[in-house]
Amino acid sequence: MIKGIRDEKVIERSEKRVVLEVFIQDDCDYFDGHFPSFKLLPAVAEFTLVEKYARKYFGVSAFVSSIPRMKFSSPLLPNTTVLFSLAYNSDKKISFDISDSAHKKISSGSFCTK
């Protein structure tokens, strides 16, 4: 468990898709030391969370073999409720979108696992 990230709430779930709601508090471990005067969640932390949820809900390997697409559109700020939308296909590819509660896109991308 990561301090400052509440357990996810499943909004939608099927065999190949999951939508999760997650509240990220201002005391989240990932904010420590990253722009102390203007906290934002580092891109690597966003990806780490996506990978964690992909393992949990799709049972995929923790090994990422390639990242063909990744885009960070808006900063993820403290005390924000975010939606993680993940989809899994038969080629072991995970596609994801992260947005805030107003559906403003924060980041998106895809990666492949072994």
PDB file of N, CA and C in Angstrom:
ATOM      1  N   MET A   1       0.837  -1.183   0.000  1.00  0.00           N
ATOM      2  CA  MET A   1       0.000   0.000   0.000  1.00  0.00           C
ATOM      3  C   MET A   1       0.882   1.245   0.000  1.00  0.00           C
ATOM      4  N   ILE A   2       0.500   2.205  -0.775  1.00  0.00           N
ATOM      5  CA  ILE A   2       1.239   3.449  -0.891  1.00  0.00           C
ATOM      6  C   ILE A   2       0.520   4.508  -0.063  1.00  0.00           C
ATOM      7  N   LYS A   3       1.265   5.128   0.848  1.00  0.00           N
ATOM      8  CA  LYS A   3       0.670   6.163   1.692  1.00  0.00           C
ATOM      9  C   LYS A   3       0.085   7.267   0.813  1.00  0.00           C
ATOM     10  N   GLY A   4      -1.140   7.667   1.120  1.00  0.00           N
ATOM     11  CA  GLY A   4      -1.766   8.780   0.428  1.00  0.00           C
ATOM     12  C   GLY A   4      -2.575   8.408  -0.794  1.00  0.00           C
ATOM     13  N   ILE A   5      -2.636   7.118  -1.112  1.00  0.00           N
ATOM     14  CA  ILE A   5      -3.480   6.673  -2.219  1.00  0.00           C
ATOM     15  C   ILE A   5      -4.496   5.705  -1.652  1.00  0.00           C
ATOM     16  N   ARG A   6      -5.732   6.138  -1.665  1.00  0.00           N
ATOM     17  CA  ARG A   6      -6.791   5.293  -1.119  1.00  0.00           C
ATOM     18  C   ARG A   6      -7.049   4.106  -2.027  1.00  0.00           C
ATOM     19  N   ASP A   7      -7.630   3.062  -1.454  1.00  0.00           N
ATOM     20  CA  ASP A   7      -7.995   1.899  -2.256  1.00  0.00           C
ATOM     21  C   ASP A   7      -8.904   2.329  -3.392  1.00  0.00           C
ATOM     22  N   GLU A   8      -8.693   1.701  -4.528  1.00  0.00           N
ATOM     23  CA  GLU A   8      -9.472   2.048  -5.704  1.00  0.00           C
ATOM     24  C   GLU A   8     -10.911   1.540  -5.584  1.00  0.00           C
ATOM     25  N   LYS A   9     -11.809   2.278  -6.202  1.00  0.00           N
ATOM     26  CA  LYS A   9     -13.218   1.885  -6.280  1.00  0.00           C
ATOM     27  C   LYS A   9     -13.476   1.456  -7.722  1.00  0.00           C
ATOM     28  N   VAL A  10     -13.986   0.248  -7.899  1.00  0.00           N
ATOM     29  CA  VAL A  10     -14.263  -0.255  -9.242  1.00  0.00           C
ATOM     30  C   VAL A  10     -15.565   0.379  -9.737  1.00  0.00           C
ATOM     31  N   ILE A  11     -15.470   1.106 -10.843  1.00  0.00           N
ATOM     32  CA  ILE A  11     -16.634   1.753 -11.456  1.00  0.00           C
ATOM     33  C   ILE A  11     -17.244   0.844 -12.519  1.00  0.00           C
ATOM     34  N   GLU A  12     -16.358   0.189 -13.268  1.00  0.00           N
ATOM     35  CA  GLU A  12     -16.797  -0.701 -14.347  1.00  0.00           C
ATOM     36  C   GLU A  12     -15.750  -1.802 -14.478  1.00  0.00           C
ATOM     37  N   ARG A  13     -16.215  -3.020 -14.737  1.00  0.00           N
ATOM     38  CA  ARG A  13     -15.250  -4.113 -14.886  1.00  0.00           C
ATOM     39  C   ARG A  13     -15.793  -5.198 -15.787  1.00  0.00           C
ATOM     40  N   SER A  14     -14.933  -5.632 -16.701  1.00  0.00           N
ATOM     41  CA  SER A  14     -15.214  -6.793 -17.533  1.00  0.00           C
ATOM     42  C   SER A  14     -13.899  -7.553 -17.672  1.00  0.00           C
ATOM     43  N   GLU A  15     -13.912  -8.600 -18.456  1.00  0.00           N
ATOM     44  CA  GLU A  15     -12.708  -9.416 -18.611  1.00  0.00           C
ATOM     45  C   GLU A  15     -11.555  -8.614 -19.222  1.00  0.00           C
ATOM     46  N   LYS A  16     -11.868  -7.685 -20.111  1.00  0.00           N
ATOM     47  CA  LYS A  16     -10.833  -6.952 -20.859  1.00  0.00           C
ATOM     48  C   LYS A  16     -10.780  -5.456 -20.551  1.00  0.00           C
ATOM     49  N   ARG A  17     -11.581  -4.984 -19.596  1.00  0.00           N
ATOM     50  CA  ARG A  17     -11.623  -3.546 -19.309  1.00  0.00           C
ATOM     51  C   ARG A  17     -11.946  -3.310 -17.838  1.00  0.00           C
ATOM     52  N   VAL A  18     -11.323  -2.261 -17.285  1.00  0.00           N
ATOM     53  CA  VAL A  18     -11.637  -1.868 -15.917  1.00  0.00           C
ATOM     54  C   VAL A  18     -11.532  -0.342 -15.826  1.00  0.00           C
ATOM     55  N   VAL A  19     -12.457   0.252 -15.095  1.00  0.00           N
ATOM     56  CA  VAL A  19     -12.421   1.686 -14.797  1.00  0.00           C
ATOM     57  C   VAL A  19     -12.420   1.804 -13.282  1.00  0.00           C
ATOM     58  N   LEU A  20     -11.424   2.506 -12.775  1.00  0.00           N
ATOM     59  CA  LEU A  20     -11.223   2.642 -11.332  1.00  0.00           C
ATOM     60  C   LEU A  20     -11.239   4.109 -10.936  1.00  0.00           C
ATOM     61  N   GLU A  21     -11.807   4.373  -9.778  1.00  0.00           N
ATOM     62  CA  GLU A  21     -11.767   5.712  -9.202  1.00  0.00           C
ATOM     63  C   GLU A  21     -10.800   5.671  -8.025  1.00  0.00           C
ATOM     64  N   VAL A  22      -9.863   6.615  -8.008  1.00  0.00           N
ATOM     65  CA  VAL A  22      -8.819   6.642  -6.986  1.00  0.00           C
ATOM     66  C   VAL A  22      -8.644   8.076  -6.501  1.00  0.00           C
ATOM     67  N   PHE A  23      -8.609   8.256  -5.182  1.00  0.00           N
ATOM     68  CA  PHE A  23      -8.334   9.569  -4.614  1.00  0.00           C
ATOM     69  C   PHE A  23      -6.866   9.617  -4.199  1.00  0.00           C
ATOM     70  N   ILE A  24      -6.160  10.627  -4.681  1.00  0.00           N
ATOM     71  CA  ILE A  24      -4.738  10.773  -4.379  1.00  0.00           C
ATOM     72  C   ILE A  24      -4.565  11.983  -3.465  1.00  0.00           C
ATOM     73  N   GLN A  25      -4.246  11.687  -2.211  1.00  0.00           N
ATOM     74  CA  GLN A  25      -4.133  12.708  -1.171  1.00  0.00           C
ATOM     75  C   GLN A  25      -2.835  13.495  -1.298  1.00  0.00           C
ATOM     76  N   ASP A  26      -2.797  14.655  -0.648  1.00  0.00           N
ATOM     77  CA  ASP A  26      -1.605  15.504  -0.705  1.00  0.00           C
ATOM     78  C   ASP A  26      -0.426  14.926   0.071  1.00  0.00           C
ATOM     79  N   ASP A  27      -0.672  13.932   0.929  1.00  0.00           N
ATOM     80  CA  ASP A  27       0.435  13.322   1.670  1.00  0.00           C
ATOM     81  C   ASP A  27       0.952  12.041   0.997  1.00  0.00           C
ATOM     82  N   CYS A  28       0.596  11.840  -0.259  1.00  0.00           N
ATOM     83  CA  CYS A  28       1.025  10.658  -1.005  1.00  0.00           C
ATOM     84  C   CYS A  28       2.552  10.612  -1.060  1.00  0.00           C
ATOM     85  N   ASP A  29       3.099   9.413  -0.861  1.00  0.00           N
ATOM     86  CA  ASP A  29       4.548   9.210  -0.907  1.00  0.00           C
ATOM     87  C   ASP A  29       5.166   9.722  -2.211  1.00  0.00           C
ATOM     88  N   TYR A  30       4.444   9.618  -3.317  1.00  0.00           N
ATOM     89  CA  TYR A  30       4.986  10.005  -4.616  1.00  0.00           C
ATOM     90  C   TYR A  30       5.233  11.506  -4.745  1.00  0.00           C
ATOM     91  N   PHE A  31       4.603  12.317  -3.900  1.00  0.00           N
ATOM     92  CA  PHE A  31       4.819  13.765  -3.967  1.00  0.00           C
ATOM     93  C   PHE A  31       6.105  14.197  -3.274  1.00  0.00           C
ATOM     94  N   ASP A  32       6.648  13.356  -2.405  1.00  0.00           N
ATOM     95  CA  ASP A  32       7.844  13.716  -1.631  1.00  0.00           C
ATOM     96  C   ASP A  32       9.010  14.078  -2.546  1.00  0.00           C
ATOM     97  N   GLY A  33       9.503  15.295  -2.394  1.00  0.00           N
ATOM     98  CA  GLY A  33      10.691  15.733  -3.110  1.00  0.00           C
ATOM     99  C   GLY A  33      10.484  16.094  -4.556  1.00  0.00           C
ATOM    100  N   HIS A  34       9.274  15.988  -5.065  1.00  0.00           N
ATOM    101  CA  HIS A  34       9.018  16.316  -6.466  1.00  0.00           C
ATOM    102  C   HIS A  34       8.354  17.682  -6.531  1.00  0.00           C
ATOM    103  N   PHE A  35       9.106  18.686  -6.873  1.00  0.00           N
ATOM    104  CA  PHE A  35       8.635  20.071  -6.911  1.00  0.00           C
ATOM    105  C   PHE A  35       7.974  20.460  -5.588  1.00  0.00           C
ATOM    106  N   PRO A  36       8.739  20.587  -4.515  1.00  0.00           N
ATOM    107  CA  PRO A  36       8.179  20.861  -3.185  1.00  0.00           C
ATOM    108  C   PRO A  36       7.253  22.078  -3.120  1.00  0.00           C
ATOM    109  N   SER A  37       7.509  23.102  -3.926  1.00  0.00           N
ATOM    110  CA  SER A  37       6.657  24.289  -3.873  1.00  0.00           C
ATOM    111  C   SER A  37       5.436  24.172  -4.788  1.00  0.00           C
ATOM    112  N   PHE A  38       5.418  23.191  -5.672  1.00  0.00           N
ATOM    113  CA  PHE A  38       4.272  22.951  -6.565  1.00  0.00           C
ATOM    114  C   PHE A  38       4.179  21.445  -6.783  1.00  0.00           C
ATOM    115  N   LYS A  39       3.498  20.786  -5.864  1.00  0.00           N
ATOM    116  CA  LYS A  39       3.427  19.329  -5.917  1.00  0.00           C
ATOM    117  C   LYS A  39       2.637  18.855  -7.132  1.00  0.00           C
ATOM    118  N   LEU A  40       3.200  17.866  -7.806  1.00  0.00           N
ATOM    119  CA  LEU A  40       2.470  17.147  -8.838  1.00  0.00           C
ATOM    120  C   LEU A  40       2.997  15.729  -8.866  1.00  0.00           C
ATOM    121  N   LEU A  41       2.141  14.826  -9.281  1.00  0.00           N
ATOM    122  CA  LEU A  41       2.521  13.415  -9.307  1.00  0.00           C
ATOM    123  C   LEU A  41       3.445  13.175 -10.496  1.00  0.00           C
ATOM    124  N   PRO A  42       4.639  12.643 -10.259  1.00  0.00           N
ATOM    125  CA  PRO A  42       5.564  12.388 -11.369  1.00  0.00           C
ATOM    126  C   PRO A  42       4.973  11.393 -12.374  1.00  0.00           C
ATOM    127  N   ALA A  43       5.343  11.558 -13.623  1.00  0.00           N
ATOM    128  CA  ALA A  43       4.857  10.668 -14.681  1.00  0.00           C
ATOM    129  C   ALA A  43       5.180   9.213 -14.377  1.00  0.00           C
ATOM    130  N   VAL A  44       6.354   8.965 -13.831  1.00  0.00           N
ATOM    131  CA  VAL A  44       6.731   7.584 -13.520  1.00  0.00           C
ATOM    132  C   VAL A  44       5.801   6.991 -12.462  1.00  0.00           C
ATOM    133  N   ALA A  45       5.296   7.807 -11.553  1.00  0.00           N
ATOM    134  CA  ALA A  45       4.351   7.317 -10.541  1.00  0.00           C
ATOM    135  C   ALA A  45       3.004   6.991 -11.182  1.00  0.00           C
ATOM    136  N   GLU A  46       2.565   7.817 -12.128  1.00  0.00           N
ATOM    137  CA  GLU A  46       1.319   7.514 -12.845  1.00  0.00           C
ATOM    138  C   GLU A  46       1.444   6.154 -13.531  1.00  0.00           C
ATOM    139  N   PHE A  47       2.581   5.949 -14.222  1.00  0.00           N
ATOM    140  CA  PHE A  47       2.777   4.690 -14.922  1.00  0.00           C
ATOM    141  C   PHE A  47       2.863   3.517 -13.955  1.00  0.00           C
ATOM    142  N   THR A  48       3.505   3.718 -12.817  1.00  0.00           N
ATOM    143  CA  THR A  48       3.609   2.666 -11.800  1.00  0.00           C
ATOM    144  C   THR A  48       2.223   2.246 -11.321  1.00  0.00           C
ATOM    145  N   LEU A  49       1.335   3.205 -11.122  1.00  0.00           N
ATOM    146  CA  LEU A  49      -0.032   2.880 -10.694  1.00  0.00           C
ATOM    147  C   LEU A  49      -0.783   2.121 -11.784  1.00  0.00           C
ATOM    148  N   VAL A  50      -0.644   2.555 -13.030  1.00  0.00           N
ATOM    149  CA  VAL A  50      -1.301   1.845 -14.136  1.00  0.00           C
ATOM    150  C   VAL A  50      -0.808   0.400 -14.201  1.00  0.00           C
ATOM    151  N   GLU A  51       0.489   0.224 -14.090  1.00  0.00           N
ATOM    152  CA  GLU A  51       1.062  -1.124 -14.129  1.00  0.00           C
ATOM    153  C   GLU A  51       0.542  -1.975 -12.960  1.00  0.00           C
ATOM    154  N   LYS A  52       0.454  -1.377 -11.779  1.00  0.00           N
ATOM    155  CA  LYS A  52      -0.053  -2.086 -10.594  1.00  0.00           C
ATOM    156  C   LYS A  52      -1.494  -2.555 -10.822  1.00  0.00           C
ATOM    157  N   TYR A  53      -2.335  -1.675 -11.353  1.00  0.00           N
ATOM    158  CA  TYR A  53      -3.732  -2.045 -11.585  1.00  0.00           C
ATOM    159  C   TYR A  53      -3.855  -3.073 -12.716  1.00  0.00           C
ATOM    160  N   ALA A  54      -2.985  -2.995 -13.727  1.00  0.00           N
ATOM    161  CA  ALA A  54      -3.004  -3.991 -14.805  1.00  0.00           C
ATOM    162  C   ALA A  54      -2.671  -5.382 -14.263  1.00  0.00           C
ATOM    163  N   ARG A  55      -1.678  -5.440 -13.375  1.00  0.00           N
ATOM    164  CA  ARG A  55      -1.333  -6.738 -12.762  1.00  0.00           C
ATOM    165  C   ARG A  55      -2.502  -7.254 -11.929  1.00  0.00           C
ATOM    166  N   LYS A  56      -3.101  -6.372 -11.141  1.00  0.00           N
ATOM    167  CA  LYS A  56      -4.168  -6.785 -10.229  1.00  0.00           C
ATOM    168  C   LYS A  56      -5.425  -7.245 -10.971  1.00  0.00           C
ATOM    169  N   TYR A  57      -5.846  -6.496 -11.987  1.00  0.00           N
ATOM    170  CA  TYR A  57      -7.132  -6.786 -12.620  1.00  0.00           C
ATOM    171  C   TYR A  57      -7.047  -7.673 -13.860  1.00  0.00           C
ATOM    172  N   PHE A  58      -5.861  -7.739 -14.500  1.00  0.00           N
ATOM    173  CA  PHE A  58      -5.726  -8.570 -15.688  1.00  0.00           C
ATOM    174  C   PHE A  58      -4.717  -9.695 -15.501  1.00  0.00           C
ATOM    175  N   GLY A  59      -3.999  -9.706 -14.386  1.00  0.00           N
ATOM    176  CA  GLY A  59      -3.034 -10.758 -14.115  1.00  0.00           C
ATOM    177  C   GLY A  59      -1.839 -10.751 -15.046  1.00  0.00           C
ATOM    178  N   VAL A  60      -1.510  -9.598 -15.600  1.00  0.00           N
ATOM    179  CA  VAL A  60      -0.388  -9.526 -16.536  1.00  0.00           C
ATOM    180  C   VAL A  60       0.943  -9.529 -15.788  1.00  0.00           C
ATOM    181  N   SER A  61       1.985  -9.828 -16.527  1.00  0.00           N
ATOM    182  CA  SER A  61       3.341  -9.851 -15.983  1.00  0.00           C
ATOM    183  C   SER A  61       3.760  -8.446 -15.550  1.00  0.00           C
ATOM    184  N   ALA A  62       4.610  -8.385 -14.568  1.00  0.00           N
ATOM    185  CA  ALA A  62       5.149  -7.098 -14.122  1.00  0.00           C
ATOM    186  C   ALA A  62       6.224  -6.604 -15.074  1.00  0.00           C
ATOM    187  N   PHE A  63       6.618  -7.433 -16.036  1.00  0.00           N
ATOM    188  CA  PHE A  63       7.666  -7.060 -16.976  1.00  0.00           C
ATOM    189  C   PHE A  63       7.058  -6.315 -18.159  1.00  0.00           C
ATOM    190  N   VAL A  64       7.451  -5.072 -18.350  1.00  0.00           N
ATOM    191  CA  VAL A  64       7.002  -4.272 -19.482  1.00  0.00           C
ATOM    192  C   VAL A  64       8.021  -4.423 -20.598  1.00  0.00           C
ATOM    193  N   SER A  65       7.577  -4.968 -21.738  1.00  0.00           N
ATOM    194  CA  SER A  65       8.508  -5.225 -22.836  1.00  0.00           C
ATOM    195  C   SER A  65       8.651  -4.040 -23.787  1.00  0.00           C
ATOM    196  N   SER A  66       7.606  -3.207 -23.885  1.00  0.00           N
ATOM    197  CA  SER A  66       7.697  -2.022 -24.736  1.00  0.00           C
ATOM    198  C   SER A  66       6.610  -1.024 -24.347  1.00  0.00           C
ATOM    199  N   ILE A  67       6.895   0.232 -24.656  1.00  0.00           N
ATOM    200  CA  ILE A  67       5.938   1.312 -24.414  1.00  0.00           C
ATOM    201  C   ILE A  67       5.798   2.075 -25.730  1.00  0.00           C
ATOM    202  N   PRO A  68       4.864   1.641 -26.583  1.00  0.00           N
ATOM    203  CA  PRO A  68       4.758   2.279 -27.899  1.00  0.00           C
ATOM    204  C   PRO A  68       4.156   3.687 -27.868  1.00  0.00           C
ATOM    205  N   ARG A  69       3.407   3.998 -26.815  1.00  0.00           N
ATOM    206  CA  ARG A  69       2.734   5.298 -26.789  1.00  0.00           C
ATOM    207  C   ARG A  69       2.523   5.741 -25.349  1.00  0.00           C
ATOM    208  N   MET A  70       2.860   7.011 -25.096  1.00  0.00           N
ATOM    209  CA  MET A  70       2.607   7.585 -23.779  1.00  0.00           C
ATOM    210  C   MET A  70       2.536   9.093 -23.940  1.00  0.00           C
ATOM    211  N   LYS A  71       1.496   9.702 -23.364  1.00  0.00           N
ATOM    212  CA  LYS A  71       1.335  11.152 -23.453  1.00  0.00           C
ATOM    213  C   LYS A  71       0.835  11.670 -22.111  1.00  0.00           C
ATOM    214  N   PHE A  72       1.469  12.721 -21.642  1.00  0.00           N
ATOM    215  CA  PHE A  72       1.074  13.360 -20.395  1.00  0.00           C
ATOM    216  C   PHE A  72       0.526  14.740 -20.751  1.00  0.00           C
ATOM    217  N   SER A  73      -0.776  14.937 -20.554  1.00  0.00           N
ATOM    218  CA  SER A  73      -1.470  16.133 -21.024  1.00  0.00           C
ATOM    219  C   SER A  73      -1.645  17.206 -19.966  1.00  0.00           C
ATOM    220  N   SER A  74      -1.865  16.791 -18.727  1.00  0.00           N
ATOM    221  CA  SER A  74      -2.120  17.725 -17.633  1.00  0.00           C
ATOM    222  C   SER A  74      -1.470  17.193 -16.369  1.00  0.00           C
ATOM    223  N   PRO A  75      -1.079  18.086 -15.458  1.00  0.00           N
ATOM    224  CA  PRO A  75      -0.492  17.609 -14.206  1.00  0.00           C
ATOM    225  C   PRO A  75      -1.529  16.947 -13.310  1.00  0.00           C
ATOM    226  N   LEU A  76      -1.086  15.944 -12.583  1.00  0.00           N
ATOM    227  CA  LEU A  76      -1.942  15.298 -11.596  1.00  0.00           C
ATOM    228  C   LEU A  76      -1.561  15.910 -10.247  1.00  0.00           C
ATOM    229  N   LEU A  77      -2.463  16.688  -9.700  1.00  0.00           N
ATOM    230  CA  LEU A  77      -2.213  17.467  -8.489  1.00  0.00           C
ATOM    231  C   LEU A  77      -2.716  16.750  -7.243  1.00  0.00           C
ATOM    232  N   PRO A  78      -2.249  17.174  -6.067  1.00  0.00           N
ATOM    233  CA  PRO A  78      -2.701  16.568  -4.808  1.00  0.00           C
ATOM    234  C   PRO A  78      -4.209  16.745  -4.590  1.00  0.00           C
ATOM    235  N   ASN A  79      -4.762  15.845  -3.794  1.00  0.00           N
ATOM    236  CA  ASN A  79      -6.180  15.862  -3.417  1.00  0.00           C
ATOM    237  C   ASN A  79      -7.090  15.848  -4.644  1.00  0.00           C
ATOM    238  N   THR A  80      -6.772  14.944  -5.562  1.00  0.00           N
ATOM    239  CA  THR A  80      -7.525  14.812  -6.798  1.00  0.00           C
ATOM    240  C   THR A  80      -8.111  13.408  -6.894  1.00  0.00           C
ATOM    241  N   THR A  81      -9.368  13.348  -7.304  1.00  0.00           N
ATOM    242  CA  THR A  81      -9.994  12.072  -7.630  1.00  0.00           C
ATOM    243  C   THR A  81      -9.745  11.824  -9.106  1.00  0.00           C
ATOM    244  N   VAL A  82      -9.164  10.677  -9.418  1.00  0.00           N
ATOM    245  CA  VAL A  82      -8.851  10.361 -10.808  1.00  0.00           C
ATOM    246  C   VAL A  82      -9.519   9.057 -11.224  1.00  0.00           C
ATOM    247  N   LEU A  83      -9.753   8.947 -12.521  1.00  0.00           N
ATOM    248  CA  LEU A  83     -10.298   7.734 -13.113  1.00  0.00           C
ATOM    249  C   LEU A  83      -9.200   7.075 -13.939  1.00  0.00           C
ATOM    250  N   PHE A  84      -8.934   5.832 -13.643  1.00  0.00           N
ATOM    251  CA  PHE A  84      -8.008   5.020 -14.416  1.00  0.00           C
ATOM    252  C   PHE A  84      -8.852   4.095 -15.280  1.00  0.00           C
ATOM    253  N   SER A  85      -8.761   4.242 -16.594  1.00  0.00           N
ATOM    254  CA  SER A  85      -9.456   3.352 -17.531  1.00  0.00           C
ATOM    255  C   SER A  85      -8.409   2.501 -18.219  1.00  0.00           C
ATOM    256  N   LEU A  86      -8.481   1.196 -18.019  1.00  0.00           N
ATOM    257  CA  LEU A  86      -7.502   0.283 -18.593  1.00  0.00           C
ATOM    258  C   LEU A  86      -8.219  -0.745 -19.453  1.00  0.00           C
ATOM    259  N   ALA A  87      -7.612  -1.059 -20.582  1.00  0.00           N
ATOM    260  CA  ALA A  87      -8.133  -2.096 -21.470  1.00  0.00           C
ATOM    261  C   ALA A  87      -6.994  -3.051 -21.807  1.00  0.00           C
ATOM    262  N   TYR A  88      -7.327  -4.325 -21.925  1.00  0.00           N
ATOM    263  CA  TYR A  88      -6.341  -5.386 -22.178  1.00  0.00           C
ATOM    264  C   TYR A  88      -6.753  -6.144 -23.420  1.00  0.00           C
ATOM    265  N   ASN A  89      -5.807  -6.353 -24.358  1.00  0.00           N
ATOM    266  CA  ASN A  89      -6.159  -7.133 -25.532  1.00  0.00           C
ATOM    267  C   ASN A  89      -5.350  -8.419 -25.604  1.00  0.00           C
ATOM    268  N   SER A  90      -5.656  -9.251 -26.554  1.00  0.00           N
ATOM    269  CA  SER A  90      -5.051 -10.582 -26.633  1.00  0.00           C
ATOM    270  C   SER A  90      -3.564 -10.554 -26.995  1.00  0.00           C
ATOM    271  N   ASP A  91      -3.056  -9.420 -27.447  1.00  0.00           N
ATOM    272  CA  ASP A  91      -1.625  -9.285 -27.737  1.00  0.00           C
ATOM    273  C   ASP A  91      -0.828  -8.880 -26.500  1.00  0.00           C
ATOM    274  N   LYS A  92      -1.449  -8.981 -25.334  1.00  0.00           N
ATOM    275  CA  LYS A  92      -0.831  -8.592 -24.060  1.00  0.00           C
ATOM    276  C   LYS A  92      -0.488  -7.108 -24.028  1.00  0.00           C
ATOM    277  N   LYS A  93      -1.337  -6.325 -24.664  1.00  0.00           N
ATOM    278  CA  LYS A  93      -1.158  -4.880 -24.703  1.00  0.00           C
ATOM    279  C   LYS A  93      -2.188  -4.225 -23.787  1.00  0.00           C
ATOM    280  N   ILE A  94      -1.718  -3.322 -22.956  1.00  0.00           N
ATOM    281  CA  ILE A  94      -2.564  -2.554 -22.060  1.00  0.00           C
ATOM    282  C   ILE A  94      -2.653  -1.132 -22.596  1.00  0.00           C
ATOM    283  N   SER A  95      -3.859  -0.637 -22.790  1.00  0.00           N
ATOM    284  CA  SER A  95      -4.078   0.758 -23.140  1.00  0.00           C
ATOM    285  C   SER A  95      -4.704   1.421 -21.930  1.00  0.00           C
ATOM    286  N   PHE A  96      -4.351   2.680 -21.682  1.00  0.00           N
ATOM    287  CA  PHE A  96      -4.898   3.354 -20.510  1.00  0.00           C
ATOM    288  C   PHE A  96      -5.152   4.833 -20.765  1.00  0.00           C
ATOM    289  N   ASP A  97      -6.079   5.353 -20.003  1.00  0.00           N
ATOM    290  CA  ASP A  97      -6.369   6.775 -19.930  1.00  0.00           C
ATOM    291  C   ASP A  97      -6.518   7.112 -18.458  1.00  0.00           C
ATOM    292  N   ILE A  98      -5.959   8.226 -18.064  1.00  0.00           N
ATOM    293  CA  ILE A  98      -6.151   8.749 -16.714  1.00  0.00           C
ATOM    294  C   ILE A  98      -6.788  10.120 -16.870  1.00  0.00           C
ATOM    295  N   SER A  99      -7.888  10.346 -16.170  1.00  0.00           N
ATOM    296  CA  SER A  99      -8.570  11.640 -16.238  1.00  0.00           C
ATOM    297  C   SER A  99      -9.025  12.035 -14.839  1.00  0.00           C
ATOM    298  N   ASP A 100      -9.312  13.321 -14.673  1.00  0.00           N
ATOM    299  CA  ASP A 100      -9.822  13.762 -13.373  1.00  0.00           C
ATOM    300  C   ASP A 100     -11.331  13.548 -13.329  1.00  0.00           C
ATOM    301  N   SER A 101     -11.945  13.908 -12.224  1.00  0.00           N
ATOM    302  CA  SER A 101     -13.380  13.644 -12.050  1.00  0.00           C
ATOM    303  C   SER A 101     -14.249  14.464 -13.009  1.00  0.00           C
ATOM    304  N   ALA A 102     -13.690  15.520 -13.602  1.00  0.00           N
ATOM    305  CA  ALA A 102     -14.417  16.305 -14.613  1.00  0.00           C
ATOM    306  C   ALA A 102     -14.123  15.778 -16.020  1.00  0.00           C
ATOM    307  N   HIS A 103     -13.441  14.644 -16.099  1.00  0.00           N
ATOM    308  CA  HIS A 103     -13.084  13.958 -17.349  1.00  0.00           C
ATOM    309  C   HIS A 103     -12.045  14.710 -18.179  1.00  0.00           C
ATOM    310  N   LYS A 104     -11.253  15.570 -17.538  1.00  0.00           N
ATOM    311  CA  LYS A 104     -10.129  16.207 -18.215  1.00  0.00           C
ATOM    312  C   LYS A 104      -8.984  15.206 -18.255  1.00  0.00           C
ATOM    313  N   LYS A 105      -8.463  14.960 -19.452  1.00  0.00           N
ATOM    314  CA  LYS A 105      -7.413  13.951 -19.613  1.00  0.00           C
ATOM    315  C   LYS A 105      -6.118  14.400 -18.946  1.00  0.00           C
ATOM    316  N   ILE A 106      -5.549  13.498 -18.153  1.00  0.00           N
ATOM    317  CA  ILE A 106      -4.270  13.734 -17.492  1.00  0.00           C
ATOM    318  C   ILE A 106      -3.159  13.048 -18.274  1.00  0.00           C
ATOM    319  N   SER A 107      -3.381  11.784 -18.618  1.00  0.00           N
ATOM    320  CA  SER A 107      -2.388  11.050 -19.407  1.00  0.00           C
ATOM    321  C   SER A 107      -3.056   9.872 -20.102  1.00  0.00           C
ATOM    322  N   SER A 108      -2.342   9.331 -21.066  1.00  0.00           N
ATOM    323  CA  SER A 108      -2.832   8.156 -21.789  1.00  0.00           C
ATOM    324  C   SER A 108      -1.643   7.448 -22.411  1.00  0.00           C
ATOM    325  N   GLY A 109      -1.869   6.222 -22.817  1.00  0.00           N
ATOM    326  CA  GLY A 109      -0.803   5.486 -23.457  1.00  0.00           C
ATOM    327  C   GLY A 109      -1.110   4.015 -23.573  1.00  0.00           C
ATOM    328  N   SER A 110      -0.078   3.287 -23.926  1.00  0.00           N
ATOM    329  CA  SER A 110      -0.195   1.831 -24.015  1.00  0.00           C
ATOM    330  C   SER A 110       1.182   1.223 -23.776  1.00  0.00           C
ATOM    331  N   PHE A 111       1.167  -0.026 -23.337  1.00  0.00           N
ATOM    332  CA  PHE A 111       2.414  -0.765 -23.144  1.00  0.00           C
ATOM    333  C   PHE A 111       2.139  -2.242 -23.318  1.00  0.00           C
ATOM    334  N   CYS A 112       3.206  -2.966 -23.583  1.00  0.00           N
ATOM    335  CA  CYS A 112       3.101  -4.407 -23.802  1.00  0.00           C
ATOM    336  C   CYS A 112       3.834  -5.133 -22.681  1.00  0.00           C
ATOM    337  N   THR A 113       3.309  -6.287 -22.305  1.00  0.00           N
ATOM    338  CA  THR A 113       3.918  -7.115 -21.281  1.00  0.00           C
ATOM    339  C   THR A 113       4.303  -8.457 -21.895  1.00  0.00           C
ATOM    340  N   LYS A 114       5.123  -9.180 -21.188  1.00  0.00           N
ATOM    341  CA  LYS A 114       5.504 -10.530 -21.665  1.00  0.00           C
ATOM    342  C   LYS A 114       4.624 -11.559 -21.014  1.00  0.00           C
TER     343      LYS A 114
END
